[in-house]
């Protein structure tokens, strides 16, 4: 009798163990099936993004906006820019720091240009953006050359004025006034170095789905948001604190995409421009990643869009993108 009871207990125990194992196996099967489904969904999304990227590359290549020669010239143009920056000499430490920042940007772009040049399948979208960034850096470099030439001329004039002051004590008061005026001009020139600079400026068209999820798109009909993302570079000269960053988007006809309540920005040269969106950030003189969004309220057309970034009443970045 006792052996029979023990046998029943053992059988019951084995049945419970088997049942528990079946539950575990069933649970694992459900989890594996769910993971496979997620992997399949992710694979489809990746294929869709790659397809849209390839379509955009085809548009850029076939339209003549960018070509193989542009790709080959990227590294040469950047190396020429770097060589020119190396020849710039100035004693002012603040301007030196600003020039070193520009050289750091160019070196980073050189690394990326080398990677793009070695790719078998060309990323024409990124090559086009690098070309635009190189053009912006060249414009900034011309400004530095003009600034340094102007400062050198002013320093020569200042030296002559001081020599004249030592010889003609009767004109000390007049000479001091001239020196003060020249120093004010020098301070204004140094202020050019405090203008913020950006890198890795990428503008994208975004499709916001009903569940709030955002995906990049290359089609105008699917676009309901535009996004501009970039990095504001470290600048020890510029003032720290809260700053407004402004986004300005120009459609293929050169018209500004504006908000219902239009907003105008006054630039350093007193020019007033209409802006598309803005965002307030806290800048602490170090590399700062920023994204500014513009919500598309009306349907937009296919074509090439130009995107500009402004801060402290100065243009600090420009890029473009294309929509089908």
C-alpha atoms as a PDB file:
ATOM      1  CA  UNK A   1       0.000   0.000   0.000  1.00  0.00           C
ATOM      2  CA  UNK A   2       2.763   2.391   0.970  1.00  0.00           C
ATOM      3  CA  UNK A   3       4.716   1.571  -2.190  1.00  0.00           C
ATOM      4  CA  UNK A   4       1.606   2.281  -4.272  1.00  0.00           C
ATOM      5  CA  UNK A   5       1.187   5.710  -2.678  1.00  0.00           C
ATOM      6  CA  UNK A   6       4.832   6.545  -3.273  1.00  0.00           C
ATOM      7  CA  UNK A   7       4.518   5.444  -6.896  1.00  0.00           C
ATOM      8  CA  UNK A   8       1.487   7.712  -7.362  1.00  0.00           C
ATOM      9  CA  UNK A   9       3.367  10.634  -5.845  1.00  0.00           C
ATOM     10  CA  UNK A  10       6.325  10.021  -8.141  1.00  0.00           C
ATOM     11  CA  UNK A  11       4.068   9.789 -11.177  1.00  0.00           C
ATOM     12  CA  UNK A  12       2.321  13.016 -10.158  1.00  0.00           C
ATOM     13  CA  UNK A  13       5.683  14.739  -9.704  1.00  0.00           C
ATOM     14  CA  UNK A  14       6.873  13.553 -13.111  1.00  0.00           C
ATOM     15  CA  UNK A  15       3.639  14.746 -14.702  1.00  0.00           C
ATOM     16  CA  UNK A  16       4.071  18.199 -13.126  1.00  0.00           C
ATOM     17  CA  UNK A  17       7.665  18.357 -14.344  1.00  0.00           C
ATOM     18  CA  UNK A  18       6.603  17.366 -17.853  1.00  0.00           C
ATOM     19  CA  UNK A  19       3.779  19.912 -17.794  1.00  0.00           C
ATOM     20  CA  UNK A  20       6.159  22.658 -16.623  1.00  0.00           C
ATOM     21  CA  UNK A  21       8.612  21.759 -19.377  1.00  0.00           C
ATOM     22  CA  UNK A  22       5.821  21.925 -21.958  1.00  0.00           C
ATOM     23  CA  UNK A  23       4.868  25.392 -20.694  1.00  0.00           C
ATOM     24  CA  UNK A  24       8.481  26.560 -20.908  1.00  0.00           C
ATOM     25  CA  UNK A  25       8.897  25.153 -24.411  1.00  0.00           C
ATOM     26  CA  UNK A  26       5.641  26.823 -25.498  1.00  0.00           C
ATOM     27  CA  UNK A  27       6.717  30.173 -24.024  1.00  0.00           C
ATOM     28  CA  UNK A  28      10.123  29.964 -25.729  1.00  0.00           C
ATOM     29  CA  UNK A  29       8.442  29.117 -29.043  1.00  0.00           C
ATOM     30  CA  UNK A  30       6.238  32.214 -28.742  1.00  0.00           C
ATOM     31  CA  UNK A  31       9.264  34.402 -27.914  1.00  0.00           C
ATOM     32  CA  UNK A  32      11.267  32.999 -30.828  1.00  0.00           C
ATOM     33  CA  UNK A  33       8.377  33.601 -33.223  1.00  0.00           C
ATOM     34  CA  UNK A  34       8.012  37.194 -31.939  1.00  0.00           C
ATOM     35  CA  UNK A  35      11.749  37.839 -32.302  1.00  0.00           C
ATOM     36  CA  UNK A  36      11.711  36.453 -35.860  1.00  0.00           C
ATOM     37  CA  UNK A  37       8.807  38.749 -36.737  1.00  0.00           C
ATOM     38  CA  UNK A  38      10.631  41.785 -35.314  1.00  0.00           C
ATOM     39  CA  UNK A  39      13.783  40.888 -37.233  1.00  0.00           C
ATOM     40  CA  UNK A  40      11.728  40.572 -40.411  1.00  0.00           C
ATOM     41  CA  UNK A  41      10.095  43.996 -39.807  1.00  0.00           C
ATOM     42  CA  UNK A  42      13.466  45.610 -39.122  1.00  0.00           C
ATOM     43  CA  UNK A  43      14.874  44.071 -42.275  1.00  0.00           C
ATOM     44  CA  UNK A  44      12.017  45.504 -44.338  1.00  0.00           C
ATOM     45  CA  UNK A  45      12.522  48.965 -42.842  1.00  0.00           C
ATOM     46  CA  UNK A  46      16.255  48.838 -43.541  1.00  0.00           C
ATOM     47  CA  UNK A  47      15.572  47.764 -47.137  1.00  0.00           C
ATOM     48  CA  UNK A  48      13.084  50.642 -47.539  1.00  0.00           C
ATOM     49  CA  UNK A  49      15.558  53.208 -46.215  1.00  0.00           C
ATOM     50  CA  UNK A  50      18.323  51.862 -48.449  1.00  0.00           C
ATOM     51  CA  UNK A  51      15.965  51.968 -51.410  1.00  0.00           C
ATOM     52  CA  UNK A  52      15.047  55.611 -50.749  1.00  0.00           C
ATOM     53  CA  UNK A  53      18.729  56.472 -50.308  1.00  0.00           C
ATOM     54  CA  UNK A  54      19.576  54.770 -53.606  1.00  0.00           C
ATOM     55  CA  UNK A  55      16.758  56.652 -55.353  1.00  0.00           C
ATOM     56  CA  UNK A  56      18.068  59.962 -54.007  1.00  0.00           C
ATOM     57  CA  UNK A  57      21.591  59.085 -55.133  1.00  0.00           C
ATOM     58  CA  UNK A  58      20.242  58.307 -58.612  1.00  0.00           C
ATOM     59  CA  UNK A  59      18.454  61.672 -58.744  1.00  0.00           C
ATOM     60  CA  UNK A  60      21.601  63.557 -57.739  1.00  0.00           C
ATOM     61  CA  UNK A  61      23.780  61.667 -60.216  1.00  0.00           C
ATOM     62  CA  UNK A  62      21.385  61.825 -63.169  1.00  0.00           C
ATOM     63  CA  UNK A  63      20.487  65.502 -62.656  1.00  0.00           C
ATOM     64  CA  UNK A  64      24.107  66.609 -62.947  1.00  0.00           C
ATOM     65  CA  UNK A  65      24.085  68.246 -59.504  1.00  0.00           C
ATOM     66  CA  UNK A  66      27.028  66.024 -58.468  1.00  0.00           C
ATOM     67  CA  UNK A  67      29.380  63.852 -60.489  1.00  0.00           C
ATOM     68  CA  UNK A  68      32.482  61.680 -60.220  1.00  0.00           C
ATOM     69  CA  UNK A  69      34.779  64.660 -60.764  1.00  0.00           C
ATOM     70  CA  UNK A  70      33.290  66.355 -57.696  1.00  0.00           C
ATOM     71  CA  UNK A  71      34.063  63.217 -55.717  1.00  0.00           C
ATOM     72  CA  UNK A  72      37.662  63.148 -56.953  1.00  0.00           C
ATOM     73  CA  UNK A  73      38.127  66.862 -56.213  1.00  0.00           C
ATOM     74  CA  UNK A  74      36.844  66.682 -52.623  1.00  0.00           C
ATOM     75  CA  UNK A  75      40.112  65.665 -50.963  1.00  0.00           C
ATOM     76  CA  UNK A  76      42.202  67.970 -53.173  1.00  0.00           C
ATOM     77  CA  UNK A  77      40.014  70.975 -52.384  1.00  0.00           C
ATOM     78  CA  UNK A  78      40.054  70.223 -48.660  1.00  0.00           C
ATOM     79  CA  UNK A  79      43.838  69.737 -48.651  1.00  0.00           C
ATOM     80  CA  UNK A  80      44.285  73.056 -50.474  1.00  0.00           C
ATOM     81  CA  UNK A  81      42.070  74.730 -47.877  1.00  0.00           C
ATOM     82  CA  UNK A  82      44.116  73.212 -45.056  1.00  0.00           C
ATOM     83  CA  UNK A  83      47.363  74.365 -46.665  1.00  0.00           C
ATOM     84  CA  UNK A  84      46.017  77.897 -46.957  1.00  0.00           C
ATOM     85  CA  UNK A  85      44.928  77.893 -43.315  1.00  0.00           C
ATOM     86  CA  UNK A  86      48.456  76.747 -42.346  1.00  0.00           C
ATOM     87  CA  UNK A  87      49.891  79.866 -43.997  1.00  0.00           C
ATOM     88  CA  UNK A  88      47.674  82.234 -41.986  1.00  0.00           C
ATOM     89  CA  UNK A  89      49.758  83.860 -39.250  1.00  0.00           C
ATOM     90  CA  UNK A  90      48.492  86.163 -36.526  1.00  0.00           C
ATOM     91  CA  UNK A  91      49.543  86.975 -32.971  1.00  0.00           C
ATOM     92  CA  UNK A  92      46.045  87.380 -31.530  1.00  0.00           C
ATOM     93  CA  UNK A  93      45.348  84.199 -29.516  1.00  0.00           C
ATOM     94  CA  UNK A  94      41.578  84.389 -29.971  1.00  0.00           C
ATOM     95  CA  UNK A  95      41.853  84.474 -33.745  1.00  0.00           C
ATOM     96  CA  UNK A  96      44.428  81.658 -33.588  1.00  0.00           C
ATOM     97  CA  UNK A  97      41.936  79.517 -31.658  1.00  0.00           C
ATOM     98  CA  UNK A  98      39.232  80.234 -34.217  1.00  0.00           C
ATOM     99  CA  UNK A  99      41.550  79.272 -37.094  1.00  0.00           C
ATOM    100  CA  UNK A 100      42.545  76.047 -35.303  1.00  0.00           C
ATOM    101  CA  UNK A 101      38.828  75.206 -34.988  1.00  0.00           C
ATOM    102  CA  UNK A 102      38.455  75.568 -38.759  1.00  0.00           C
ATOM    103  CA  UNK A 103      41.491  73.319 -39.377  1.00  0.00           C
ATOM    104  CA  UNK A 104      40.002  70.670 -37.081  1.00  0.00           C
ATOM    105  CA  UNK A 105      36.770  70.747 -39.106  1.00  0.00           C
ATOM    106  CA  UNK A 106      38.721  70.353 -42.368  1.00  0.00           C
ATOM    107  CA  UNK A 107      40.744  67.394 -41.017  1.00  0.00           C
ATOM    108  CA  UNK A 108      37.517  65.628 -40.013  1.00  0.00           C
ATOM    109  CA  UNK A 109      36.050  66.258 -43.463  1.00  0.00           C
ATOM    110  CA  UNK A 110      39.247  64.927 -45.078  1.00  0.00           C
ATOM    111  CA  UNK A 111      38.852  61.619 -43.262  1.00  0.00           C
ATOM    112  CA  UNK A 112      35.262  61.349 -44.409  1.00  0.00           C
ATOM    113  CA  UNK A 113      36.165  62.339 -47.990  1.00  0.00           C
ATOM    114  CA  UNK A 114      38.801  59.604 -48.091  1.00  0.00           C
ATOM    115  CA  UNK A 115      36.257  57.026 -46.947  1.00  0.00           C
ATOM    116  CA  UNK A 116      33.739  58.200 -49.563  1.00  0.00           C
ATOM    117  CA  UNK A 117      36.355  58.115 -52.331  1.00  0.00           C
ATOM    118  CA  UNK A 118      37.246  54.500 -51.527  1.00  0.00           C
ATOM    119  CA  UNK A 119      33.644  53.308 -51.558  1.00  0.00           C
ATOM    120  CA  UNK A 120      32.708  51.151 -54.530  1.00  0.00           C
ATOM    121  CA  UNK A 121      29.078  52.288 -54.375  1.00  0.00           C
ATOM    122  CA  UNK A 122      29.093  56.081 -54.151  1.00  0.00           C
ATOM    123  CA  UNK A 123      26.984  57.885 -51.555  1.00  0.00           C
ATOM    124  CA  UNK A 124      26.196  60.865 -53.774  1.00  0.00           C
ATOM    125  CA  UNK A 125      24.020  62.501 -51.118  1.00  0.00           C
ATOM    126  CA  UNK A 126      26.888  62.687 -48.629  1.00  0.00           C
ATOM    127  CA  UNK A 127      29.385  63.677 -51.355  1.00  0.00           C
ATOM    128  CA  UNK A 128      27.094  66.572 -52.284  1.00  0.00           C
ATOM    129  CA  UNK A 129      26.854  67.701 -48.658  1.00  0.00           C
ATOM    130  CA  UNK A 130      30.656  67.556 -48.290  1.00  0.00           C
ATOM    131  CA  UNK A 131      31.024  69.642 -51.433  1.00  0.00           C
ATOM    132  CA  UNK A 132      28.697  72.292 -49.973  1.00  0.00           C
ATOM    133  CA  UNK A 133      30.543  72.257 -46.643  1.00  0.00           C
ATOM    134  CA  UNK A 134      33.842  72.740 -48.497  1.00  0.00           C
ATOM    135  CA  UNK A 135      32.397  75.755 -50.329  1.00  0.00           C
ATOM    136  CA  UNK A 136      31.260  77.236 -47.010  1.00  0.00           C
ATOM    137  CA  UNK A 137      34.726  76.708 -45.489  1.00  0.00           C
ATOM    138  CA  UNK A 138      36.315  78.406 -48.488  1.00  0.00           C
ATOM    139  CA  UNK A 139      34.071  81.460 -47.999  1.00  0.00           C
ATOM    140  CA  UNK A 140      34.986  81.587 -44.305  1.00  0.00           C
ATOM    141  CA  UNK A 141      38.692  81.322 -45.185  1.00  0.00           C
ATOM    142  CA  UNK A 142      38.423  84.301 -47.562  1.00  0.00           C
ATOM    143  CA  UNK A 143      36.924  86.288 -44.691  1.00  0.00           C
ATOM    144  CA  UNK A 144      39.900  85.376 -42.477  1.00  0.00           C
ATOM    145  CA  UNK A 145      42.384  86.456 -45.153  1.00  0.00           C
ATOM    146  CA  UNK A 146      40.644  89.797 -45.566  1.00  0.00           C
ATOM    147  CA  UNK A 147      40.479  90.244 -41.801  1.00  0.00           C
ATOM    148  CA  UNK A 148      44.167  89.463 -41.266  1.00  0.00           C
ATOM    149  CA  UNK A 149      45.227  91.718 -44.163  1.00  0.00           C
ATOM    150  CA  UNK A 150      43.135  94.494 -42.701  1.00  0.00           C
ATOM    151  CA  UNK A 151      44.592  93.962 -39.216  1.00  0.00           C
ATOM    152  CA  UNK A 152      48.147  93.910 -40.531  1.00  0.00           C
ATOM    153  CA  UNK A 153      47.532  97.179 -42.333  1.00  0.00           C
ATOM    154  CA  UNK A 154      46.049  98.681 -39.189  1.00  0.00           C
ATOM    155  CA  UNK A 155      48.987  97.475 -37.094  1.00  0.00           C
ATOM    156  CA  UNK A 156      51.417  99.153 -39.496  1.00  0.00           C
ATOM    157  CA  UNK A 157      49.437 102.375 -39.272  1.00  0.00           C
ATOM    158  CA  UNK A 158      49.348 102.085 -35.482  1.00  0.00           C
ATOM    159  CA  UNK A 159      53.135 101.632 -35.326  1.00  0.00           C
ATOM    160  CA  UNK A 160      53.671 104.691 -37.490  1.00  0.00           C
ATOM    161  CA  UNK A 161      51.335 106.694 -35.283  1.00  0.00           C
ATOM    162  CA  UNK A 162      53.205 105.685 -32.128  1.00  0.00           C
ATOM    163  CA  UNK A 163      56.568 106.646 -33.662  1.00  0.00           C
ATOM    164  CA  UNK A 164      55.168 109.983 -34.641  1.00  0.00           C
ATOM    165  CA  UNK A 165      53.819 110.484 -31.124  1.00  0.00           C
ATOM    166  CA  UNK A 166      57.301 109.940 -29.629  1.00  0.00           C
ATOM    167  CA  UNK A 167      58.732 112.597 -31.947  1.00  0.00           C
ATOM    168  CA  UNK A 168      55.945 115.120 -31.682  1.00  0.00           C
ATOM    169  CA  UNK A 169      54.796 115.368 -28.076  1.00  0.00           C
ATOM    170  CA  UNK A 170      52.596 118.302 -28.936  1.00  0.00           C
ATOM    171  CA  UNK A 171      50.295 115.966 -30.838  1.00  0.00           C
ATOM    172  CA  UNK A 172      49.891 113.388 -28.020  1.00  0.00           C
ATOM    173  CA  UNK A 173      46.226 114.112 -27.466  1.00  0.00           C
ATOM    174  CA  UNK A 174      45.386 113.818 -31.145  1.00  0.00           C
ATOM    175  CA  UNK A 175      47.459 110.650 -31.553  1.00  0.00           C
ATOM    176  CA  UNK A 176      45.836 109.014 -28.506  1.00  0.00           C
ATOM    177  CA  UNK A 177      42.429 109.593 -30.013  1.00  0.00           C
ATOM    178  CA  UNK A 178      43.548 107.954 -33.269  1.00  0.00           C
ATOM    179  CA  UNK A 179      44.942 104.973 -31.377  1.00  0.00           C
ATOM    180  CA  UNK A 180      41.706 104.588 -29.417  1.00  0.00           C
ATOM    181  CA  UNK A 181      39.694 104.602 -32.646  1.00  0.00           C
ATOM    182  CA  UNK A 182      41.984 102.007 -34.200  1.00  0.00           C
ATOM    183  CA  UNK A 183      41.753  99.770 -31.125  1.00  0.00           C
ATOM    184  CA  UNK A 184      37.967  99.884 -31.359  1.00  0.00           C
ATOM    185  CA  UNK A 185      38.205  98.783 -34.998  1.00  0.00           C
ATOM    186  CA  UNK A 186      40.542  95.980 -33.925  1.00  0.00           C
ATOM    187  CA  UNK A 187      38.040  94.779 -31.323  1.00  0.00           C
ATOM    188  CA  UNK A 188      35.288  94.781 -33.924  1.00  0.00           C
ATOM    189  CA  UNK A 189      37.481  92.718 -36.237  1.00  0.00           C
ATOM    190  CA  UNK A 190      38.284  90.199 -33.496  1.00  0.00           C
ATOM    191  CA  UNK A 191      34.531  89.892 -32.924  1.00  0.00           C
ATOM    192  CA  UNK A 192      34.362  88.142 -36.304  1.00  0.00           C
ATOM    193  CA  UNK A 193      36.121  85.227 -34.666  1.00  0.00           C
ATOM    194  CA  UNK A 194      33.295  84.902 -32.125  1.00  0.00           C
ATOM    195  CA  UNK A 195      30.756  83.931 -34.803  1.00  0.00           C
ATOM    196  CA  UNK A 196      29.563  80.374 -34.213  1.00  0.00           C
ATOM    197  CA  UNK A 197      30.508  77.701 -36.735  1.00  0.00           C
ATOM    198  CA  UNK A 198      28.737  74.423 -37.547  1.00  0.00           C
ATOM    199  CA  UNK A 199      29.658  71.047 -39.002  1.00  0.00           C
ATOM    200  CA  UNK A 200      27.860  67.858 -40.058  1.00  0.00           C
ATOM    201  CA  UNK A 201      24.815  69.908 -41.122  1.00  0.00           C
ATOM    202  CA  UNK A 202      22.220  67.476 -42.494  1.00  0.00           C
ATOM    203  CA  UNK A 203      18.686  68.419 -43.564  1.00  0.00           C
ATOM    204  CA  UNK A 204      16.031  65.740 -43.974  1.00  0.00           C
ATOM    205  CA  UNK A 205      12.389  65.387 -44.899  1.00  0.00           C
ATOM    206  CA  UNK A 206      10.422  63.500 -42.239  1.00  0.00           C
ATOM    207  CA  UNK A 207       7.194  61.536 -42.359  1.00  0.00           C
ATOM    208  CA  UNK A 208       5.384  61.470 -38.990  1.00  0.00           C
ATOM    209  CA  UNK A 209       3.034  58.494 -38.731  1.00  0.00           C
ATOM    210  CA  UNK A 210      -0.183  58.360 -36.761  1.00  0.00           C
ATOM    211  CA  UNK A 211       1.544  56.737 -33.809  1.00  0.00           C
ATOM    212  CA  UNK A 212       4.064  59.597 -33.664  1.00  0.00           C
ATOM    213  CA  UNK A 213       6.942  57.596 -35.145  1.00  0.00           C
ATOM    214  CA  UNK A 214       9.278  59.564 -37.426  1.00  0.00           C
ATOM    215  CA  UNK A 215      10.897  58.157 -40.569  1.00  0.00           C
ATOM    216  CA  UNK A 216      13.041  59.858 -43.185  1.00  0.00           C
ATOM    217  CA  UNK A 217      11.475  60.150 -46.642  1.00  0.00           C
ATOM    218  CA  UNK A 218      12.580  61.397 -50.043  1.00  0.00           C
ATOM    219  CA  UNK A 219       9.052  62.077 -51.331  1.00  0.00           C
ATOM    220  CA  UNK A 220       7.395  65.488 -51.098  1.00  0.00           C
ATOM    221  CA  UNK A 221       3.908  63.968 -50.875  1.00  0.00           C
ATOM    222  CA  UNK A 222       4.836  62.045 -47.713  1.00  0.00           C
ATOM    223  CA  UNK A 223       6.610  64.923 -45.982  1.00  0.00           C
ATOM    224  CA  UNK A 224       4.955  66.593 -42.991  1.00  0.00           C
ATOM    225  CA  UNK A 225       8.083  67.734 -41.152  1.00  0.00           C
ATOM    226  CA  UNK A 226      11.557  69.015 -42.073  1.00  0.00           C
ATOM    227  CA  UNK A 227      14.540  68.543 -39.781  1.00  0.00           C
ATOM    228  CA  UNK A 228      17.949  70.202 -39.746  1.00  0.00           C
ATOM    229  CA  UNK A 229      20.605  68.655 -37.472  1.00  0.00           C
ATOM    230  CA  UNK A 230      24.167  69.878 -36.990  1.00  0.00           C
ATOM    231  CA  UNK A 231      26.929  70.397 -34.441  1.00  0.00           C
ATOM    232  CA  UNK A 232      27.781  73.879 -33.188  1.00  0.00           C
ATOM    233  CA  UNK A 233      31.537  73.841 -32.692  1.00  0.00           C
ATOM    234  CA  UNK A 234      33.430  74.837 -29.584  1.00  0.00           C
ATOM    235  CA  UNK A 235      34.174  78.572 -29.585  1.00  0.00           C
ATOM    236  CA  UNK A 236      35.804  80.112 -26.525  1.00  0.00           C
ATOM    237  CA  UNK A 237      35.335  83.620 -27.935  1.00  0.00           C
ATOM    238  CA  UNK A 238      31.570  83.528 -28.306  1.00  0.00           C
ATOM    239  CA  UNK A 239      29.359  84.424 -25.356  1.00  0.00           C
ATOM    240  CA  UNK A 240      27.831  81.496 -23.471  1.00  0.00           C
ATOM    241  CA  UNK A 241      24.208  81.140 -22.361  1.00  0.00           C
ATOM    242  CA  UNK A 242      20.776  80.779 -23.937  1.00  0.00           C
ATOM    243  CA  UNK A 243      20.709  81.403 -27.681  1.00  0.00           C
ATOM    244  CA  UNK A 244      18.027  81.144 -30.350  1.00  0.00           C
ATOM    245  CA  UNK A 245      18.927  78.991 -33.354  1.00  0.00           C
ATOM    246  CA  UNK A 246      16.912  79.832 -36.483  1.00  0.00           C
ATOM    247  CA  UNK A 247      16.066  77.507 -39.401  1.00  0.00           C
ATOM    248  CA  UNK A 248      15.326  78.975 -42.850  1.00  0.00           C
ATOM    249  CA  UNK A 249      14.089  76.668 -45.632  1.00  0.00           C
ATOM    250  CA  UNK A 250      13.869  77.814 -49.277  1.00  0.00           C
ATOM    251  CA  UNK A 251      11.702  75.772 -51.661  1.00  0.00           C
ATOM    252  CA  UNK A 252      12.711  75.005 -55.297  1.00  0.00           C
ATOM    253  CA  UNK A 253      11.334  78.425 -56.335  1.00  0.00           C
ATOM    254  CA  UNK A 254      13.401  80.271 -53.713  1.00  0.00           C
ATOM    255  CA  UNK A 255      10.397  80.979 -51.499  1.00  0.00           C
ATOM    256  CA  UNK A 256      10.788  80.730 -47.725  1.00  0.00           C
ATOM    257  CA  UNK A 257       8.694  78.048 -46.014  1.00  0.00           C
ATOM    258  CA  UNK A 258       7.154  80.135 -43.229  1.00  0.00           C
ATOM    259  CA  UNK A 259       4.865  79.662 -40.259  1.00  0.00           C
ATOM    260  CA  UNK A 260       1.279  80.901 -39.991  1.00  0.00           C
ATOM    261  CA  UNK A 261       2.608  83.679 -37.769  1.00  0.00           C
ATOM    262  CA  UNK A 262       5.536  84.988 -39.793  1.00  0.00           C
ATOM    263  CA  UNK A 263       8.740  85.795 -37.929  1.00  0.00           C
ATOM    264  CA  UNK A 264      11.535  88.035 -39.191  1.00  0.00           C
ATOM    265  CA  UNK A 265      15.206  87.986 -38.171  1.00  0.00           C
ATOM    266  CA  UNK A 266      17.447  91.062 -38.361  1.00  0.00           C
ATOM    267  CA  UNK A 267      21.002  90.266 -39.468  1.00  0.00           C
ATOM    268  CA  UNK A 268      24.254  92.042 -38.596  1.00  0.00           C
ATOM    269  CA  UNK A 269      24.130  93.966 -41.892  1.00  0.00           C
ATOM    270  CA  UNK A 270      20.623  95.275 -41.001  1.00  0.00           C
ATOM    271  CA  UNK A 271      19.016  92.976 -43.571  1.00  0.00           C
ATOM    272  CA  UNK A 272      15.735  91.415 -42.444  1.00  0.00           C
ATOM    273  CA  UNK A 273      14.896  87.856 -43.493  1.00  0.00           C
ATOM    274  CA  UNK A 274      11.918  85.616 -42.898  1.00  0.00           C
ATOM    275  CA  UNK A 275      12.637  82.400 -40.982  1.00  0.00           C
ATOM    276  CA  UNK A 276      10.895  79.025 -40.909  1.00  0.00           C
ATOM    277  CA  UNK A 277      11.452  77.808 -37.332  1.00  0.00           C
ATOM    278  CA  UNK A 278      13.553  78.478 -34.258  1.00  0.00           C
ATOM    279  CA  UNK A 279      14.797  76.740 -31.123  1.00  0.00           C
ATOM    280  CA  UNK A 280      16.375  78.018 -27.931  1.00  0.00           C
ATOM    281  CA  UNK A 281      19.512  76.216 -26.673  1.00  0.00           C
ATOM    282  CA  UNK A 282      21.980  76.687 -23.839  1.00  0.00           C
ATOM    283  CA  UNK A 283      25.446  77.084 -25.361  1.00  0.00           C
ATOM    284  CA  UNK A 284      28.455  76.683 -23.055  1.00  0.00           C
ATOM    285  CA  UNK A 285      31.312  77.262 -25.538  1.00  0.00           C
ATOM    286  CA  UNK A 286      31.665  73.557 -26.370  1.00  0.00           C
ATOM    287  CA  UNK A 287      30.549  71.235 -29.178  1.00  0.00           C
ATOM    288  CA  UNK A 288      26.752  71.153 -29.048  1.00  0.00           C
ATOM    289  CA  UNK A 289      24.476  68.872 -31.127  1.00  0.00           C
ATOM    290  CA  UNK A 290      21.280  70.630 -32.225  1.00  0.00           C
ATOM    291  CA  UNK A 291      18.205  69.690 -34.276  1.00  0.00           C
ATOM    292  CA  UNK A 292      15.585  72.249 -35.395  1.00  0.00           C
ATOM    293  CA  UNK A 293      12.209  71.106 -36.759  1.00  0.00           C
ATOM    294  CA  UNK A 294       9.774  72.752 -39.162  1.00  0.00           C
ATOM    295  CA  UNK A 295       6.228  71.388 -39.343  1.00  0.00           C
ATOM    296  CA  UNK A 296       4.942  71.347 -42.921  1.00  0.00           C
ATOM    297  CA  UNK A 297       1.488  72.894 -42.872  1.00  0.00           C
ATOM    298  CA  UNK A 298       0.735  72.896 -46.620  1.00  0.00           C
ATOM    299  CA  UNK A 299       1.712  70.488 -49.388  1.00  0.00           C
ATOM    300  CA  UNK A 300       5.240  71.021 -50.683  1.00  0.00           C
ATOM    301  CA  UNK A 301       6.615  70.430 -54.165  1.00  0.00           C
ATOM    302  CA  UNK A 302       9.353  68.067 -55.387  1.00  0.00           C
ATOM    303  CA  UNK A 303      12.747  69.612 -56.157  1.00  0.00           C
ATOM    304  CA  UNK A 304      15.864  70.938 -54.471  1.00  0.00           C
ATOM    305  CA  UNK A 305      15.518  72.689 -51.110  1.00  0.00           C
ATOM    306  CA  UNK A 306      18.136  74.976 -49.544  1.00  0.00           C
ATOM    307  CA  UNK A 307      18.385  75.074 -45.757  1.00  0.00           C
ATOM    308  CA  UNK A 308      20.161  77.804 -43.749  1.00  0.00           C
ATOM    309  CA  UNK A 309      20.997  78.107 -40.049  1.00  0.00           C
ATOM    310  CA  UNK A 310      21.348  81.422 -38.194  1.00  0.00           C
ATOM    311  CA  UNK A 311      22.538  82.319 -34.692  1.00  0.00           C
ATOM    312  CA  UNK A 312      23.476  85.649 -33.077  1.00  0.00           C
ATOM    313  CA  UNK A 313      22.203  87.413 -36.227  1.00  0.00           C
ATOM    314  CA  UNK A 314      24.723  85.593 -38.465  1.00  0.00           C
ATOM    315  CA  UNK A 315      24.432  82.751 -40.955  1.00  0.00           C
ATOM    316  CA  UNK A 316      26.356  79.789 -39.504  1.00  0.00           C
ATOM    317  CA  UNK A 317      25.486  76.949 -41.860  1.00  0.00           C
ATOM    318  CA  UNK A 318      23.940  76.035 -45.196  1.00  0.00           C
ATOM    319  CA  UNK A 319      23.010  72.740 -46.859  1.00  0.00           C
ATOM    320  CA  UNK A 320      20.388  71.323 -49.223  1.00  0.00           C
ATOM    321  CA  UNK A 321      18.363  68.223 -50.000  1.00  0.00           C
ATOM    322  CA  UNK A 322      16.142  66.958 -52.801  1.00  0.00           C
ATOM    323  CA  UNK A 323      12.599  65.578 -52.816  1.00  0.00           C
ATOM    324  CA  UNK A 324      10.869  63.552 -55.472  1.00  0.00           C
END
